[in-house]
Amino acid sequence: MTHESEGVQDMSWMRITADEVVPTPWRNGGGRTRELLAWPHATDWKVRISVADIDKDGPFSAFPGVDRWFGVLSGKGVHLMGRYLRQGDGILAFRGEEAPDCVLIDGPTQDFNAMHRRDAGVFRVLPADRPFIPAGATWLGLFTERGGLLVHGHRSVPLAPHTLAWCESPAAQSCVFDDGDQHGPAWWLVWSDT
C-alpha cells in the first residue's frame, strides 16, 4: 500500500511526515525504517523513499538492480563506502548490489534513503537549495528534514519537519523551497520515463 490515501492533499501535492508512519524493525535488529512512499505501487515500486534509524553497525541489505541515495539527517554520522558522512555533507549515491558495511561514528543516526529501480526510467536527487523547473518530469518529490515552504508556480505548500511532499505530472513551473534559512537537509526527487 502506498501512503497516498494517508497523506494530506494540497492541490496536486501530497504530503506525509515520518511521524505519521509506524517504524518497521529490521530483521538484523540494527535499526528501523519508516517507509514514506513506494511509488507507483507498494509491491511494484519504481521509487521508494524512507527515513531510517540506525542503532548499530552492520551491512546494508542488498538490492540488485536498484540505485540508492543516502544522507544523514541527525546524529554524529556514519562511515559508509569509504567516506565519513555527517549531517550537511550532502547525499551519497551507490548501487544496491554493493550492500556496503555501515559503521556509526558515535552513536545512533537518523538517515534519508531513496531507492530507484535502475531499469524503470530515470531518477535524480538534487539539493533543494535553488529553484528547480520540473520540465519533462513524471513525478516530483521534495524531502525536508526541518520543514519550510514549497512554492510551485502560484501554489504554496507548508511542510512540517521530516516531510515528503510529492506530485504526479508536475506543471513545468518554477519550484522553490524556502526553509527560513535553517539550512537543514532537503532534496528534490525527480523521476521521468526517459
C-alpha atoms as a PDB file:
ATOM      1  CA  MET A   1       0.000   0.000   0.000  1.00  0.00           C
ATOM      2  CA  THR A   2       1.261   3.477  -0.787  1.00  0.00           C
ATOM      3  CA  HIS A   3       0.611   6.329   1.591  1.00  0.00           C
ATOM      4  CA  GLU A   4      -1.290   8.436  -0.933  1.00  0.00           C
ATOM      5  CA  SER A   5      -4.570   7.857   0.905  1.00  0.00           C
ATOM      6  CA  GLU A   6      -2.971   8.722   4.238  1.00  0.00           C
ATOM      7  CA  GLY A   7      -1.131  11.878   3.104  1.00  0.00           C
ATOM      8  CA  VAL A   8      -2.603  15.385   3.178  1.00  0.00           C
ATOM      9  CA  GLN A   9      -3.542  16.783  -0.223  1.00  0.00           C
ATOM     10  CA  ASP A  10      -2.922  20.439  -1.105  1.00  0.00           C
ATOM     11  CA  MET A  11      -3.939  20.992  -4.745  1.00  0.00           C
ATOM     12  CA  SER A  12      -1.796  18.458  -6.633  1.00  0.00           C
ATOM     13  CA  TRP A  13       0.776  17.977  -3.839  1.00  0.00           C
ATOM     14  CA  MET A  14       0.547  15.131  -1.333  1.00  0.00           C
ATOM     15  CA  ARG A  15       2.417  15.156   1.974  1.00  0.00           C
ATOM     16  CA  ILE A  16       3.402  12.690   4.650  1.00  0.00           C
ATOM     17  CA  THR A  17       5.669  13.091   7.667  1.00  0.00           C
ATOM     18  CA  ALA A  18       7.884  10.424   9.190  1.00  0.00           C
ATOM     19  CA  ASP A  19       5.957  10.826  12.457  1.00  0.00           C
ATOM     20  CA  GLU A  20       2.818   9.512  10.713  1.00  0.00           C
ATOM     21  CA  VAL A  21       4.489   6.207   9.825  1.00  0.00           C
ATOM     22  CA  VAL A  22       4.926   3.290  12.222  1.00  0.00           C
ATOM     23  CA  PRO A  23       8.596   2.184  12.087  1.00  0.00           C
ATOM     24  CA  THR A  24       9.363  -1.336  10.867  1.00  0.00           C
ATOM     25  CA  PRO A  25      12.211  -3.079  12.748  1.00  0.00           C
ATOM     26  CA  TRP A  26      14.994  -4.543  10.623  1.00  0.00           C
ATOM     27  CA  ARG A  27      15.414  -8.323  10.598  1.00  0.00           C
ATOM     28  CA  ASN A  28      19.007  -7.949  11.846  1.00  0.00           C
ATOM     29  CA  GLY A  29      17.943  -5.788  14.804  1.00  0.00           C
ATOM     30  CA  GLY A  30      20.177  -2.913  13.712  1.00  0.00           C
ATOM     31  CA  GLY A  31      17.514  -0.267  13.236  1.00  0.00           C
ATOM     32  CA  ARG A  32      14.065   0.710  11.982  1.00  0.00           C
ATOM     33  CA  THR A  33      12.648   2.078   8.725  1.00  0.00           C
ATOM     34  CA  ARG A  34       9.722   4.417   8.143  1.00  0.00           C
ATOM     35  CA  GLU A  35       8.618   3.972   4.535  1.00  0.00           C
ATOM     36  CA  LEU A  36       7.195   7.299   3.394  1.00  0.00           C
ATOM     37  CA  LEU A  37       6.279   6.255  -0.118  1.00  0.00           C
ATOM     38  CA  ALA A  38       6.605   3.375  -2.551  1.00  0.00           C
ATOM     39  CA  TRP A  39       5.570   4.706  -5.965  1.00  0.00           C
ATOM     40  CA  PRO A  40       3.589   3.897  -8.015  1.00  0.00           C
ATOM     41  CA  HIS A  41       2.737   0.664  -6.122  1.00  0.00           C
ATOM     42  CA  ALA A  42       3.945  -0.749  -2.820  1.00  0.00           C
ATOM     43  CA  THR A  43       4.765  -4.158  -4.310  1.00  0.00           C
ATOM     44  CA  ASP A  44       5.936  -2.961  -7.733  1.00  0.00           C
ATOM     45  CA  TRP A  45       7.676   0.318  -6.997  1.00  0.00           C
ATOM     46  CA  LYS A  46       9.938   2.382  -9.190  1.00  0.00           C
ATOM     47  CA  VAL A  47      10.812   4.852  -6.412  1.00  0.00           C
ATOM     48  CA  ARG A  48      10.908   4.170  -2.673  1.00  0.00           C
ATOM     49  CA  ILE A  49      11.541   6.909  -0.095  1.00  0.00           C
ATOM     50  CA  SER A  50      12.158   6.243   3.594  1.00  0.00           C
ATOM     51  CA  VAL A  51      13.694   7.518   6.819  1.00  0.00           C
ATOM     52  CA  ALA A  52      15.784   5.053   8.839  1.00  0.00           C
ATOM     53  CA  ASP A  53      17.084   4.985  12.390  1.00  0.00           C
ATOM     54  CA  ILE A  54      20.415   3.141  12.536  1.00  0.00           C
ATOM     55  CA  ASP A  55      21.191   1.848  16.036  1.00  0.00           C
ATOM     56  CA  LYS A  56      24.237  -0.324  15.430  1.00  0.00           C
ATOM     57  CA  ASP A  57      26.918  -1.168  12.878  1.00  0.00           C
ATOM     58  CA  GLY A  58      26.114  -3.633  10.129  1.00  0.00           C
ATOM     59  CA  PRO A  59      25.782  -4.222   6.392  1.00  0.00           C
ATOM     60  CA  PHE A  60      23.068  -2.684   4.264  1.00  0.00           C
ATOM     61  CA  SER A  61      20.628  -5.124   2.674  1.00  0.00           C
ATOM     62  CA  ALA A  62      21.393  -5.987  -0.950  1.00  0.00           C
ATOM     63  CA  PHE A  63      19.010  -4.602  -3.579  1.00  0.00           C
ATOM     64  CA  PRO A  64      20.076  -5.922  -7.000  1.00  0.00           C
ATOM     65  CA  GLY A  65      19.028  -3.661  -9.881  1.00  0.00           C
ATOM     66  CA  VAL A  66      18.406  -0.717  -7.558  1.00  0.00           C
ATOM     67  CA  ASP A  67      20.281   2.585  -7.263  1.00  0.00           C
ATOM     68  CA  ARG A  68      20.365   4.119  -3.772  1.00  0.00           C
ATOM     69  CA  TRP A  69      20.851   7.577  -2.254  1.00  0.00           C
ATOM     70  CA  PHE A  70      21.722   8.071   1.424  1.00  0.00           C
ATOM     71  CA  GLY A  71      22.016  11.217   3.559  1.00  0.00           C
ATOM     72  CA  VAL A  72      22.466  11.771   7.306  1.00  0.00           C
ATOM     73  CA  LEU A  73      19.638  13.728   8.947  1.00  0.00           C
ATOM     74  CA  SER A  74      20.747  13.670  12.593  1.00  0.00           C
ATOM     75  CA  GLY A  75      23.308  12.071  14.894  1.00  0.00           C
ATOM     76  CA  LYS A  76      27.099  12.069  14.524  1.00  0.00           C
ATOM     77  CA  GLY A  77      27.028  10.288  11.168  1.00  0.00           C
ATOM     78  CA  VAL A  78      28.354   7.099   9.622  1.00  0.00           C
ATOM     79  CA  HIS A  79      31.318   5.655   7.757  1.00  0.00           C
ATOM     80  CA  LEU A  80      29.969   4.216   4.501  1.00  0.00           C
ATOM     81  CA  MET A  81      31.586   3.342   1.162  1.00  0.00           C
ATOM     82  CA  GLY A  82      34.960   4.670   2.356  1.00  0.00           C
ATOM     83  CA  ARG A  83      33.514   8.068   3.348  1.00  0.00           C
ATOM     84  CA  TYR A  84      32.586   9.764   6.592  1.00  0.00           C
ATOM     85  CA  LEU A  85      29.079  11.182   6.196  1.00  0.00           C
ATOM     86  CA  ARG A  86      27.607  13.694   8.613  1.00  0.00           C
ATOM     87  CA  GLN A  87      24.565  15.952   8.590  1.00  0.00           C
ATOM     88  CA  GLY A  88      25.093  18.622   5.944  1.00  0.00           C
ATOM     89  CA  ASP A  89      27.565  16.541   3.892  1.00  0.00           C
ATOM     90  CA  GLY A  90      25.099  16.035   1.075  1.00  0.00           C
ATOM     91  CA  ILE A  91      23.990  12.725  -0.299  1.00  0.00           C
ATOM     92  CA  LEU A  92      25.848   9.557  -1.285  1.00  0.00           C
ATOM     93  CA  ALA A  93      24.720   7.526  -4.308  1.00  0.00           C
ATOM     94  CA  PHE A  94      25.629   3.851  -4.699  1.00  0.00           C
ATOM     95  CA  ARG A  95      24.434   0.644  -6.322  1.00  0.00           C
ATOM     96  CA  GLY A  96      22.123  -1.573  -4.282  1.00  0.00           C
ATOM     97  CA  GLU A  97      24.134  -4.673  -5.197  1.00  0.00           C
ATOM     98  CA  GLU A  98      27.064  -3.363  -3.182  1.00  0.00           C
ATOM     99  CA  ALA A  99      25.361  -3.836   0.235  1.00  0.00           C
ATOM    100  CA  PRO A 100      28.140  -1.858   1.996  1.00  0.00           C
ATOM    101  CA  ASP A 101      29.026  -2.060   5.671  1.00  0.00           C
ATOM    102  CA  CYS A 102      27.765   0.908   7.679  1.00  0.00           C
ATOM    103  CA  VAL A 103      29.712   1.952  10.792  1.00  0.00           C
ATOM    104  CA  LEU A 104      28.300   4.528  13.195  1.00  0.00           C
ATOM    105  CA  ILE A 105      30.741   7.332  14.056  1.00  0.00           C
ATOM    106  CA  ASP A 106      29.472   7.979  17.596  1.00  0.00           C
ATOM    107  CA  GLY A 107      26.030   6.592  18.367  1.00  0.00           C
ATOM    108  CA  PRO A 108      22.736   6.209  16.503  1.00  0.00           C
ATOM    109  CA  THR A 109      21.813   8.258  13.442  1.00  0.00           C
ATOM    110  CA  GLN A 110      18.684   9.063  11.509  1.00  0.00           C
ATOM    111  CA  ASP A 111      19.057   8.938   7.758  1.00  0.00           C
ATOM    112  CA  PHE A 112      17.246   9.673   4.490  1.00  0.00           C
ATOM    113  CA  ASN A 113      17.049   6.901   1.906  1.00  0.00           C
ATOM    114  CA  ALA A 114      15.861   6.925  -1.702  1.00  0.00           C
ATOM    115  CA  MET A 115      15.824   3.866  -3.944  1.00  0.00           C
ATOM    116  CA  HIS A 116      15.100   3.575  -7.669  1.00  0.00           C
ATOM    117  CA  ARG A 117      14.792   0.525  -9.903  1.00  0.00           C
ATOM    118  CA  ARG A 118      17.523   1.086 -12.458  1.00  0.00           C
ATOM    119  CA  ASP A 119      15.538  -0.287 -15.430  1.00  0.00           C
ATOM    120  CA  ALA A 120      12.476   1.871 -14.660  1.00  0.00           C
ATOM    121  CA  GLY A 121      13.104   5.320 -16.096  1.00  0.00           C
ATOM    122  CA  VAL A 122      15.487   7.979 -14.789  1.00  0.00           C
ATOM    123  CA  PHE A 123      15.695   9.214 -11.186  1.00  0.00           C
ATOM    124  CA  ARG A 124      17.657  12.177  -9.856  1.00  0.00           C
ATOM    125  CA  VAL A 125      18.258  13.523  -6.354  1.00  0.00           C
ATOM    126  CA  LEU A 126      19.224  17.220  -6.229  1.00  0.00           C
ATOM    127  CA  PRO A 127      19.849  19.642  -3.346  1.00  0.00           C
ATOM    128  CA  ALA A 128      16.780  21.834  -2.802  1.00  0.00           C
ATOM    129  CA  ASP A 129      18.903  24.936  -2.270  1.00  0.00           C
ATOM    130  CA  ARG A 130      17.932  26.600  -5.560  1.00  0.00           C
ATOM    131  CA  PRO A 131      14.833  26.869  -7.772  1.00  0.00           C
ATOM    132  CA  PHE A 132      14.000  23.921  -9.970  1.00  0.00           C
ATOM    133  CA  ILE A 133      11.741  23.632 -13.028  1.00  0.00           C
ATOM    134  CA  PRO A 134      10.430  20.051 -13.427  1.00  0.00           C
ATOM    135  CA  ALA A 135      10.258  20.087 -17.243  1.00  0.00           C
ATOM    136  CA  GLY A 136       9.691  16.550 -18.501  1.00  0.00           C
ATOM    137  CA  ALA A 137       9.243  15.052 -15.011  1.00  0.00           C
ATOM    138  CA  THR A 138       6.536  12.436 -14.491  1.00  0.00           C
ATOM    139  CA  TRP A 139       6.889  12.515 -10.692  1.00  0.00           C
ATOM    140  CA  LEU A 140       8.399  15.175  -8.447  1.00  0.00           C
ATOM    141  CA  GLY A 141       9.139  14.951  -4.749  1.00  0.00           C
ATOM    142  CA  LEU A 142      10.754  17.060  -2.051  1.00  0.00           C
ATOM    143  CA  PHE A 143      12.059  15.777   1.275  1.00  0.00           C
ATOM    144  CA  THR A 144      12.859  18.248   4.056  1.00  0.00           C
ATOM    145  CA  GLU A 145      14.392  17.470   7.425  1.00  0.00           C
ATOM    146  CA  ARG A 146      13.456  20.748   9.130  1.00  0.00           C
ATOM    147  CA  GLY A 147      10.341  21.830   7.229  1.00  0.00           C
ATOM    148  CA  GLY A 148       9.601  25.023   5.329  1.00  0.00           C
ATOM    149  CA  LEU A 149       7.501  26.307   2.446  1.00  0.00           C
ATOM    150  CA  LEU A 150       7.355  24.716  -1.010  1.00  0.00           C
ATOM    151  CA  VAL A 151       6.262  27.157  -3.724  1.00  0.00           C
ATOM    152  CA  HIS A 152       5.307  25.647  -7.102  1.00  0.00           C
ATOM    153  CA  GLY A 153       4.144  28.256  -9.579  1.00  0.00           C
ATOM    154  CA  HIS A 154       1.436  30.146  -7.659  1.00  0.00           C
ATOM    155  CA  ARG A 155       0.811  27.369  -5.115  1.00  0.00           C
ATOM    156  CA  SER A 156       2.363  27.399  -1.648  1.00  0.00           C
ATOM    157  CA  VAL A 157       2.569  24.176   0.362  1.00  0.00           C
ATOM    158  CA  PRO A 158       3.685  24.369   4.021  1.00  0.00           C
ATOM    159  CA  LEU A 159       5.824  21.419   5.092  1.00  0.00           C
ATOM    160  CA  ALA A 160       6.434  20.185   8.628  1.00  0.00           C
ATOM    161  CA  PRO A 161       9.807  18.705   9.659  1.00  0.00           C
ATOM    162  CA  HIS A 162      10.609  15.230   8.260  1.00  0.00           C
ATOM    163  CA  THR A 163       8.112  15.630   5.421  1.00  0.00           C
ATOM    164  CA  LEU A 164       7.980  14.097   1.970  1.00  0.00           C
ATOM    165  CA  ALA A 165       5.838  16.085  -0.484  1.00  0.00           C
ATOM    166  CA  TRP A 166       5.161  14.783  -3.998  1.00  0.00           C
ATOM    167  CA  CYS A 167       3.021  15.223  -7.076  1.00  0.00           C
ATOM    168  CA  GLU A 168       2.492  13.407 -10.338  1.00  0.00           C
ATOM    169  CA  SER A 169       2.717  15.161 -13.707  1.00  0.00           C
ATOM    170  CA  PRO A 170       4.027  18.405 -12.164  1.00  0.00           C
ATOM    171  CA  ALA A 171       3.494  21.619 -14.100  1.00  0.00           C
ATOM    172  CA  ALA A 172       6.732  22.885 -15.664  1.00  0.00           C
ATOM    173  CA  GLN A 173       6.712  25.934 -13.391  1.00  0.00           C
ATOM    174  CA  SER A 174       9.390  27.117 -11.009  1.00  0.00           C
ATOM    175  CA  CYS A 175       9.639  25.171  -7.741  1.00  0.00           C
ATOM    176  CA  VAL A 176      11.283  26.923  -4.801  1.00  0.00           C
ATOM    177  CA  PHE A 177      11.864  25.579  -1.303  1.00  0.00           C
ATOM    178  CA  ASP A 178      12.208  28.151   1.482  1.00  0.00           C
ATOM    179  CA  ASP A 179      13.356  26.710   4.797  1.00  0.00           C
ATOM    180  CA  GLY A 180      13.648  30.069   6.521  1.00  0.00           C
ATOM    181  CA  ASP A 181      17.464  29.931   6.472  1.00  0.00           C
ATOM    182  CA  GLN A 182      17.524  26.826   8.652  1.00  0.00           C
ATOM    183  CA  HIS A 183      19.800  25.125   6.104  1.00  0.00           C
ATOM    184  CA  GLY A 184      18.641  21.647   7.021  1.00  0.00           C
ATOM    185  CA  PRO A 185      18.963  18.777   4.579  1.00  0.00           C
ATOM    186  CA  ALA A 186      16.386  18.973   1.757  1.00  0.00           C
ATOM    187  CA  TRP A 187      16.358  17.319  -1.670  1.00  0.00           C
ATOM    188  CA  TRP A 188      14.353  17.461  -4.900  1.00  0.00           C
ATOM    189  CA  LEU A 189      13.485  13.943  -6.097  1.00  0.00           C
ATOM    190  CA  VAL A 190      12.757  13.741  -9.822  1.00  0.00           C
ATOM    191  CA  TRP A 191      11.535  10.754 -11.847  1.00  0.00           C
ATOM    192  CA  SER A 192      10.911  10.629 -15.579  1.00  0.00           C
ATOM    193  CA  ASP A 193      10.310   7.909 -18.172  1.00  0.00           C
ATOM    194  CA  THR A 194      13.493   8.808 -20.057  1.00  0.00           C
END
